[in-house]
C-alpha cells in the first residue's frame, strides 16, 4: 500500500533539515513569491480599472449614479435639518 504524504509535510521535513541560514533563504524566497503574486494581482486590477475608465458606457453609468446619490444625499440632509429645527 502506498502512503501519501502531503506536500506540506515534505516541505516541513526538508526545511527542518536545513541550517538556520538556509532556512532564512527559504523564507526570503517565500516572501519574494508572495510579493510577486501581489504585484501580479495589482497589475490585473490596474488593467481592469483602466478598461473601466476607457469604457464610455461605464462612465455614463458612473455619472448617472453620482447624480442619483447627490440627489439622495441632498434630500437626506434636508430631512436631518428639519428634524433638528
Protein backbone atom coordinates (compact mmCIF):
# COMPACT_ATOMS: atom_id res chain seq x y z
CA UNK A 1 0.00 0.00 0.00
CA UNK A 2 1.40 3.40 -1.00
CA UNK A 3 1.35 6.05 1.68
CA UNK A 4 0.50 9.56 0.52
CA UNK A 5 2.49 12.29 2.21
CA UNK A 6 1.21 15.83 1.98
CA UNK A 7 3.27 18.46 0.26
CA UNK A 8 3.29 20.49 3.48
CA UNK A 9 4.77 17.58 5.41
CA UNK A 10 7.53 17.09 2.86
CA UNK A 11 8.36 20.81 2.87
CA UNK A 12 8.42 20.95 6.66
CA UNK A 13 10.66 17.87 6.95
CA UNK A 14 13.11 19.24 4.40
CA UNK A 15 13.06 22.70 5.96
CA UNK A 16 13.91 21.27 9.37
CA UNK A 17 16.99 19.57 7.93
CA UNK A 18 18.44 22.90 6.72
CA UNK A 19 20.80 25.21 8.55
CA UNK A 20 19.34 28.41 10.02
CA UNK A 21 20.90 30.41 7.19
CA UNK A 22 19.36 28.10 4.60
CA UNK A 23 16.00 28.33 6.38
CA UNK A 24 16.25 32.12 6.16
CA UNK A 25 16.93 31.83 2.45
CA UNK A 26 13.80 29.71 2.09
CA UNK A 27 11.79 32.33 3.99
CA UNK A 28 13.21 35.08 1.81
CA UNK A 29 12.25 33.13 -1.30
CA UNK A 30 8.70 32.59 0.01
CA UNK A 31 8.38 36.32 0.67
CA UNK A 32 9.64 37.01 -2.86
CA UNK A 33 7.00 34.68 -4.33
CA UNK A 34 4.27 36.33 -2.24
CA UNK A 35 5.42 39.79 -3.33
CA UNK A 36 5.48 38.68 -6.95
CA UNK A 37 1.90 37.37 -6.65
CA UNK A 38 0.70 40.61 -5.03
CA UNK A 39 2.38 42.55 -7.83
CA UNK A 40 0.66 40.38 -10.46
CA UNK A 41 -2.74 40.88 -8.82
CA UNK A 42 -2.17 44.63 -8.57
CA UNK A 43 -1.32 44.75 -12.28
CA UNK A 44 -4.51 42.84 -13.11
CA UNK A 45 -6.61 45.24 -11.03
CA UNK A 46 -4.92 48.26 -12.62
CA UNK A 47 -5.60 46.88 -16.11
CA UNK A 48 -9.26 46.30 -15.25
CA UNK A 49 -9.64 49.80 -13.83
CA UNK A 50 -8.02 51.28 -16.93
CA UNK A 51 -10.52 49.42 -19.12
CA UNK A 52 -13.35 50.81 -16.99
CA UNK A 53 -12.04 54.36 -17.35
CA UNK A 54 -11.91 53.99 -21.13
CA UNK A 55 -15.41 52.47 -21.39
CA UNK A 56 -17.94 55.21 -22.29
CA UNK A 57 -20.92 53.10 -21.21
CA UNK A 58 -19.38 52.53 -17.80
CA UNK A 59 -18.54 56.22 -17.45
CA UNK A 60 -22.13 57.19 -18.32
CA UNK A 61 -23.38 54.79 -15.65
CA UNK A 62 -20.99 56.27 -13.09
CA UNK A 63 -22.22 59.78 -13.84
CA UNK A 64 -25.84 58.63 -13.51
CA UNK A 65 -25.11 57.01 -10.14
CA UNK A 66 -23.28 60.11 -8.93
CA UNK A 67 -26.30 62.23 -9.86
CA UNK A 68 -28.71 59.89 -8.09
CA UNK A 69 -26.57 59.74 -4.95
CA UNK A 70 -26.13 63.51 -4.91
CA UNK A 71 -29.90 63.97 -5.00
CA UNK A 72 -30.44 61.35 -2.29
CA UNK A 73 -27.74 62.92 -0.11
CA UNK A 74 -29.29 66.35 -0.52
CA UNK A 75 -32.74 65.01 0.42
CA UNK A 76 -31.33 63.24 3.47
CA UNK A 77 -29.54 66.42 4.59
CA UNK A 78 -32.76 68.44 4.29
CA UNK A 79 -34.63 65.85 6.37
CA UNK A 80 -31.98 65.93 9.10
CA UNK A 81 -32.08 69.71 9.16
CA UNK A 82 -35.87 69.64 9.50
CA UNK A 83 -35.65 67.20 12.40
CA UNK A 84 -33.09 69.29 14.25
CA UNK A 85 -35.03 72.59 13.95
